[in-house]
């Protein structure tokens, strides 16, 4: 099982980034997929979640209207489009797959700073 995140980096406040998570080794289309983040000294928090079919999404209040989660079950990928980024969005972002078992990626750093 592998979840490999990409797309992180340094961006100025107000900018955008698109994170991607490539999955392999399990039946991707059967899993709820989520993005979490963890800032230094803080607990890991849920950012966005999408159902296995991609028909429903949910977001943390702090990112509603700015972030969009999407998935492609044909390509086994889940993306997180992040717009209007703020310094408080700075964190390591993790991809998560959940069904009867849960899997985590290694994380990708997002830094929002001028």
N, C-alpha and C. Protein backbone atom coordinates (compact mmCIF):
# COMPACT_ATOMS: atom_id res chain seq x y z
N UNK A 1 0.85 -1.20 0.00
CA UNK A 1 0.00 0.00 0.00
C UNK A 1 0.89 1.24 0.00
N UNK A 2 0.56 2.15 -0.89
CA UNK A 2 1.29 3.42 -0.93
C UNK A 2 0.35 4.58 -1.17
N UNK A 3 0.58 5.66 -0.43
CA UNK A 3 -0.05 6.94 -0.68
C UNK A 3 1.09 7.94 -0.79
N UNK A 4 1.21 8.58 -1.94
CA UNK A 4 2.33 9.48 -2.18
C UNK A 4 1.79 10.86 -2.50
N UNK A 5 2.05 11.80 -1.59
CA UNK A 5 1.60 13.17 -1.78
C UNK A 5 2.65 13.96 -2.56
N UNK A 6 2.16 14.95 -3.28
CA UNK A 6 3.04 15.86 -4.01
C UNK A 6 2.35 17.20 -4.15
N UNK A 7 3.13 18.22 -4.55
CA UNK A 7 2.55 19.52 -4.83
C UNK A 7 2.76 20.57 -3.75
N UNK A 8 3.35 20.19 -2.63
CA UNK A 8 3.59 21.17 -1.59
C UNK A 8 4.69 22.13 -1.97
N UNK A 9 4.86 23.16 -1.15
CA UNK A 9 5.91 24.13 -1.41
C UNK A 9 5.68 25.42 -0.66
N UNK A 10 6.42 26.44 -1.07
CA UNK A 10 6.33 27.77 -0.47
C UNK A 10 5.47 28.66 -1.37
N UNK A 11 4.50 29.34 -0.78
CA UNK A 11 3.61 30.22 -1.54
C UNK A 11 3.32 31.46 -0.70
N UNK A 12 3.10 32.57 -1.38
CA UNK A 12 2.79 33.81 -0.68
C UNK A 12 1.32 33.81 -0.25
N UNK A 13 1.02 34.56 0.80
CA UNK A 13 -0.40 34.69 1.20
C UNK A 13 -1.26 35.15 0.03
N UNK A 14 -2.43 34.52 -0.08
CA UNK A 14 -3.32 34.81 -1.20
C UNK A 14 -3.09 33.93 -2.41
N UNK A 15 -2.02 33.18 -2.39
CA UNK A 15 -1.68 32.31 -3.51
C UNK A 15 -2.42 30.99 -3.48
N UNK A 16 -2.09 30.14 -4.45
CA UNK A 16 -2.75 28.84 -4.59
C UNK A 16 -1.72 27.72 -4.73
N UNK A 17 -2.13 26.55 -4.30
CA UNK A 17 -1.37 25.32 -4.51
C UNK A 17 -2.36 24.20 -4.76
N UNK A 18 -1.90 23.21 -5.51
CA UNK A 18 -2.71 22.01 -5.72
C UNK A 18 -1.91 20.80 -5.25
N UNK A 19 -2.42 20.13 -4.25
CA UNK A 19 -1.79 18.91 -3.75
C UNK A 19 -2.42 17.71 -4.46
N UNK A 20 -1.61 16.69 -4.65
CA UNK A 20 -2.10 15.47 -5.26
C UNK A 20 -1.61 14.27 -4.45
N UNK A 21 -2.42 13.26 -4.38
CA UNK A 21 -2.07 12.02 -3.68
C UNK A 21 -2.31 10.86 -4.64
N UNK A 22 -1.26 10.11 -4.91
CA UNK A 22 -1.35 8.95 -5.78
C UNK A 22 -1.39 7.69 -4.93
N UNK A 23 -2.41 6.87 -5.15
CA UNK A 23 -2.62 5.68 -4.33
C UNK A 23 -2.35 4.41 -5.13
N UNK A 24 -1.86 3.41 -4.42
CA UNK A 24 -1.64 2.10 -5.04
C UNK A 24 -1.66 1.02 -3.97
N UNK A 25 -1.96 -0.18 -4.39
CA UNK A 25 -1.90 -1.32 -3.49
C UNK A 25 -3.19 -1.66 -2.78
N UNK A 26 -4.26 -0.94 -3.07
CA UNK A 26 -5.57 -1.25 -2.49
C UNK A 26 -6.64 -0.78 -3.46
N UNK A 27 -7.88 -1.16 -3.16
CA UNK A 27 -9.00 -0.82 -4.04
C UNK A 27 -9.43 0.62 -3.76
N UNK A 28 -8.80 1.54 -4.44
CA UNK A 28 -8.96 2.97 -4.19
C UNK A 28 -10.43 3.39 -4.21
N UNK A 29 -11.18 2.90 -5.16
CA UNK A 29 -12.57 3.35 -5.34
C UNK A 29 -13.48 2.92 -4.20
N UNK A 30 -13.00 2.07 -3.30
CA UNK A 30 -13.81 1.63 -2.15
C UNK A 30 -13.51 2.42 -0.89
N UNK A 31 -12.58 3.34 -0.98
CA UNK A 31 -12.10 4.04 0.20
C UNK A 31 -12.55 5.50 0.23
N UNK A 32 -12.98 5.93 1.42
CA UNK A 32 -13.13 7.35 1.67
C UNK A 32 -11.73 7.96 1.75
N UNK A 33 -11.57 9.09 1.09
CA UNK A 33 -10.26 9.75 1.06
C UNK A 33 -10.34 11.10 1.75
N UNK A 34 -9.28 11.43 2.47
CA UNK A 34 -9.26 12.67 3.21
C UNK A 34 -7.88 13.32 3.12
N UNK A 35 -7.88 14.60 3.38
CA UNK A 35 -6.64 15.35 3.60
C UNK A 35 -6.67 15.85 5.04
N UNK A 36 -5.56 15.63 5.73
CA UNK A 36 -5.34 16.14 7.07
C UNK A 36 -4.14 17.08 7.02
N UNK A 37 -3.96 17.85 8.06
CA UNK A 37 -2.76 18.66 8.17
C UNK A 37 -2.33 18.74 9.63
N UNK A 38 -1.04 18.98 9.80
CA UNK A 38 -0.49 19.12 11.14
C UNK A 38 0.53 20.24 11.14
N UNK A 39 0.22 21.27 11.91
CA UNK A 39 1.14 22.39 12.07
C UNK A 39 2.06 22.11 13.26
N UNK A 40 3.21 22.76 13.31
CA UNK A 40 4.15 22.53 14.42
C UNK A 40 3.49 22.79 15.77
N UNK A 41 3.62 21.84 16.68
CA UNK A 41 3.08 22.00 18.02
C UNK A 41 1.58 21.81 18.13
N UNK A 42 0.94 21.41 17.03
CA UNK A 42 -0.51 21.22 17.05
C UNK A 42 -0.87 19.79 16.67
N UNK A 43 -2.09 19.41 17.00
CA UNK A 43 -2.57 18.09 16.65
C UNK A 43 -2.93 18.03 15.16
N UNK A 44 -2.89 16.83 14.62
CA UNK A 44 -3.31 16.63 13.23
C UNK A 44 -4.81 16.88 13.15
N UNK A 45 -5.23 17.61 12.12
CA UNK A 45 -6.64 17.95 11.98
C UNK A 45 -7.14 17.60 10.59
N UNK A 46 -8.42 17.26 10.53
CA UNK A 46 -9.06 16.95 9.26
C UNK A 46 -9.30 18.24 8.48
N UNK A 47 -8.92 18.24 7.22
CA UNK A 47 -9.11 19.41 6.35
C UNK A 47 -10.30 19.20 5.42
N UNK A 48 -10.32 18.04 4.74
CA UNK A 48 -11.37 17.79 3.76
C UNK A 48 -11.51 16.29 3.58
N UNK A 49 -12.73 15.86 3.25
CA UNK A 49 -13.01 14.45 3.05
C UNK A 49 -13.92 14.30 1.84
N UNK A 50 -13.75 13.18 1.12
CA UNK A 50 -14.59 12.89 -0.05
C UNK A 50 -14.97 11.42 0.00
N UNK A 51 -16.22 11.12 -0.30
CA UNK A 51 -16.70 9.75 -0.26
C UNK A 51 -16.07 8.91 -1.38
N UNK A 52 -16.23 7.62 -1.27
CA UNK A 52 -15.59 6.72 -2.23
C UNK A 52 -16.04 6.98 -3.67
N UNK A 53 -17.31 7.33 -3.83
CA UNK A 53 -17.83 7.61 -5.17
C UNK A 53 -17.57 9.04 -5.61
N UNK A 54 -17.12 9.86 -4.69
CA UNK A 54 -16.86 11.26 -5.01
C UNK A 54 -18.09 12.12 -5.04
N UNK A 55 -19.20 11.62 -4.48
CA UNK A 55 -20.46 12.36 -4.59
C UNK A 55 -20.72 13.29 -3.42
N UNK A 56 -19.94 13.15 -2.37
CA UNK A 56 -20.10 14.05 -1.23
C UNK A 56 -18.74 14.46 -0.68
N UNK A 57 -18.68 15.71 -0.25
CA UNK A 57 -17.46 16.24 0.35
C UNK A 57 -17.81 16.98 1.63
N UNK A 58 -16.80 17.16 2.45
CA UNK A 58 -16.98 17.95 3.67
C UNK A 58 -15.64 18.62 3.99
N UNK A 59 -15.74 19.77 4.63
CA UNK A 59 -14.55 20.57 4.87
C UNK A 59 -14.52 21.11 6.30
N UNK A 60 -13.32 21.32 6.79
CA UNK A 60 -13.17 22.06 8.04
C UNK A 60 -13.65 23.49 7.83
N UNK A 61 -14.23 24.06 8.86
CA UNK A 61 -14.75 25.43 8.74
C UNK A 61 -13.65 26.40 8.29
N UNK A 62 -12.44 26.14 8.72
CA UNK A 62 -11.34 27.06 8.45
C UNK A 62 -10.95 27.12 6.97
N UNK A 63 -11.38 26.13 6.19
CA UNK A 63 -10.97 26.10 4.77
C UNK A 63 -12.16 26.16 3.83
N UNK A 64 -13.38 26.15 4.34
CA UNK A 64 -14.56 26.19 3.48
C UNK A 64 -14.54 27.41 2.57
N UNK A 65 -14.84 27.16 1.31
CA UNK A 65 -14.85 28.25 0.34
C UNK A 65 -13.49 28.55 -0.27
N UNK A 66 -12.44 27.96 0.29
CA UNK A 66 -11.08 28.20 -0.24
C UNK A 66 -10.45 26.92 -0.80
N UNK A 67 -10.77 25.78 -0.19
CA UNK A 67 -10.17 24.50 -0.59
C UNK A 67 -11.23 23.64 -1.28
N UNK A 68 -10.79 22.83 -2.23
CA UNK A 68 -11.68 21.89 -2.90
C UNK A 68 -10.99 20.54 -3.02
N UNK A 69 -11.66 19.50 -2.54
CA UNK A 69 -11.14 18.14 -2.66
C UNK A 69 -11.82 17.47 -3.84
N UNK A 70 -11.07 16.68 -4.58
CA UNK A 70 -11.63 15.94 -5.71
C UNK A 70 -10.86 14.63 -5.87
N UNK A 71 -11.46 13.70 -6.60
CA UNK A 71 -10.80 12.43 -6.81
C UNK A 71 -11.06 11.93 -8.22
N UNK A 72 -10.15 11.07 -8.67
CA UNK A 72 -10.30 10.41 -9.96
C UNK A 72 -10.10 8.92 -9.71
N UNK A 73 -11.18 8.18 -9.68
CA UNK A 73 -11.09 6.75 -9.37
C UNK A 73 -10.47 5.95 -10.51
N UNK A 74 -10.43 6.51 -11.68
CA UNK A 74 -9.76 5.83 -12.80
C UNK A 74 -8.24 5.94 -12.69
N UNK A 75 -7.78 7.03 -12.09
CA UNK A 75 -6.34 7.27 -11.97
C UNK A 75 -5.82 7.01 -10.55
N UNK A 76 -6.73 6.69 -9.63
CA UNK A 76 -6.35 6.44 -8.22
C UNK A 76 -5.65 7.65 -7.61
N UNK A 77 -6.25 8.80 -7.82
CA UNK A 77 -5.68 10.02 -7.26
C UNK A 77 -6.75 10.83 -6.53
N UNK A 78 -6.30 11.56 -5.55
CA UNK A 78 -7.15 12.53 -4.85
C UNK A 78 -6.36 13.83 -4.74
N UNK A 79 -7.01 14.92 -5.08
CA UNK A 79 -6.36 16.23 -5.10
C UNK A 79 -6.98 17.17 -4.07
N UNK A 80 -6.20 18.17 -3.71
CA UNK A 80 -6.70 19.24 -2.86
C UNK A 80 -6.27 20.56 -3.48
N UNK A 81 -7.24 21.27 -4.03
CA UNK A 81 -6.97 22.59 -4.59
C UNK A 81 -7.12 23.62 -3.46
N UNK A 82 -6.06 24.36 -3.22
CA UNK A 82 -6.05 25.32 -2.12
C UNK A 82 -5.87 26.73 -2.69
N UNK A 83 -6.86 27.56 -2.49
CA UNK A 83 -6.83 28.95 -2.95
C UNK A 83 -6.86 29.90 -1.77
N UNK A 84 -6.51 31.15 -2.04
CA UNK A 84 -6.53 32.19 -1.00
C UNK A 84 -5.82 31.72 0.26
N UNK A 85 -4.64 31.20 0.07
CA UNK A 85 -3.90 30.63 1.20
C UNK A 85 -3.50 31.69 2.21
N UNK A 86 -3.51 31.26 3.47
CA UNK A 86 -3.18 32.13 4.59
C UNK A 86 -1.98 31.55 5.34
N UNK A 87 -1.26 32.38 6.07
CA UNK A 87 -0.13 31.84 6.86
C UNK A 87 -0.55 30.72 7.80
N UNK A 88 -1.76 30.78 8.31
CA UNK A 88 -2.22 29.73 9.22
C UNK A 88 -2.51 28.41 8.53
N UNK A 89 -2.43 28.38 7.21
CA UNK A 89 -2.55 27.12 6.47
C UNK A 89 -1.22 26.37 6.42
N UNK A 90 -0.17 26.99 6.91
CA UNK A 90 1.14 26.35 6.93
C UNK A 90 1.10 25.08 7.78
N UNK A 91 1.51 23.97 7.18
CA UNK A 91 1.45 22.68 7.87
C UNK A 91 2.01 21.60 6.95
N UNK A 92 2.19 20.43 7.51
CA UNK A 92 2.42 19.24 6.69
C UNK A 92 1.05 18.65 6.38
N UNK A 93 0.79 18.43 5.11
CA UNK A 93 -0.49 17.90 4.66
C UNK A 93 -0.35 16.42 4.34
N UNK A 94 -1.30 15.65 4.88
CA UNK A 94 -1.28 14.20 4.74
C UNK A 94 -2.52 13.70 4.02
N UNK A 95 -2.32 12.73 3.19
CA UNK A 95 -3.40 12.02 2.52
C UNK A 95 -3.77 10.80 3.37
N UNK A 96 -5.06 10.53 3.47
CA UNK A 96 -5.54 9.39 4.26
C UNK A 96 -6.58 8.62 3.49
N UNK A 97 -6.49 7.31 3.56
CA UNK A 97 -7.48 6.41 2.96
C UNK A 97 -8.13 5.62 4.07
N UNK A 98 -9.45 5.53 4.06
CA UNK A 98 -10.16 4.84 5.13
C UNK A 98 -11.27 3.96 4.60
N UNK A 99 -11.22 2.70 5.01
CA UNK A 99 -12.34 1.79 4.82
C UNK A 99 -12.36 0.98 6.11
N UNK A 100 -12.18 -0.31 6.05
CA UNK A 100 -12.04 -1.06 7.31
C UNK A 100 -10.67 -0.82 7.91
N UNK A 101 -9.71 -0.47 7.05
CA UNK A 101 -8.37 -0.11 7.50
C UNK A 101 -8.06 1.30 7.05
N UNK A 102 -7.08 1.88 7.72
CA UNK A 102 -6.67 3.23 7.37
C UNK A 102 -5.23 3.26 6.93
N UNK A 103 -4.94 4.12 5.96
CA UNK A 103 -3.58 4.26 5.47
C UNK A 103 -3.22 5.74 5.40
N UNK A 104 -1.94 6.02 5.60
CA UNK A 104 -1.45 7.40 5.57
C UNK A 104 -0.30 7.55 4.57
N UNK A 105 -0.23 8.72 3.98
CA UNK A 105 0.94 9.07 3.20
C UNK A 105 2.02 9.64 4.09
N UNK A 106 3.14 10.02 3.47
CA UNK A 106 4.27 10.51 4.24
C UNK A 106 4.19 12.02 4.50
N UNK A 107 3.30 12.69 3.81
CA UNK A 107 3.09 14.11 4.02
C UNK A 107 3.87 14.98 3.06
N UNK A 108 3.33 16.18 2.83
CA UNK A 108 4.01 17.18 2.01
C UNK A 108 3.89 18.53 2.71
N UNK A 109 4.99 19.27 2.73
CA UNK A 109 5.03 20.54 3.47
C UNK A 109 4.42 21.66 2.63
N UNK A 110 3.54 22.41 3.26
CA UNK A 110 2.98 23.63 2.66
C UNK A 110 3.35 24.79 3.58
N UNK A 111 4.03 25.77 3.02
CA UNK A 111 4.42 26.95 3.78
C UNK A 111 3.86 28.19 3.10
N UNK A 112 3.07 28.95 3.86
CA UNK A 112 2.48 30.18 3.33
C UNK A 112 3.14 31.35 4.04
N UNK A 113 3.95 32.08 3.30
CA UNK A 113 4.72 33.16 3.90
C UNK A 113 5.16 34.16 2.84
N UNK A 114 5.25 35.40 3.25
CA UNK A 114 5.75 36.43 2.34
C UNK A 114 7.26 36.60 2.51
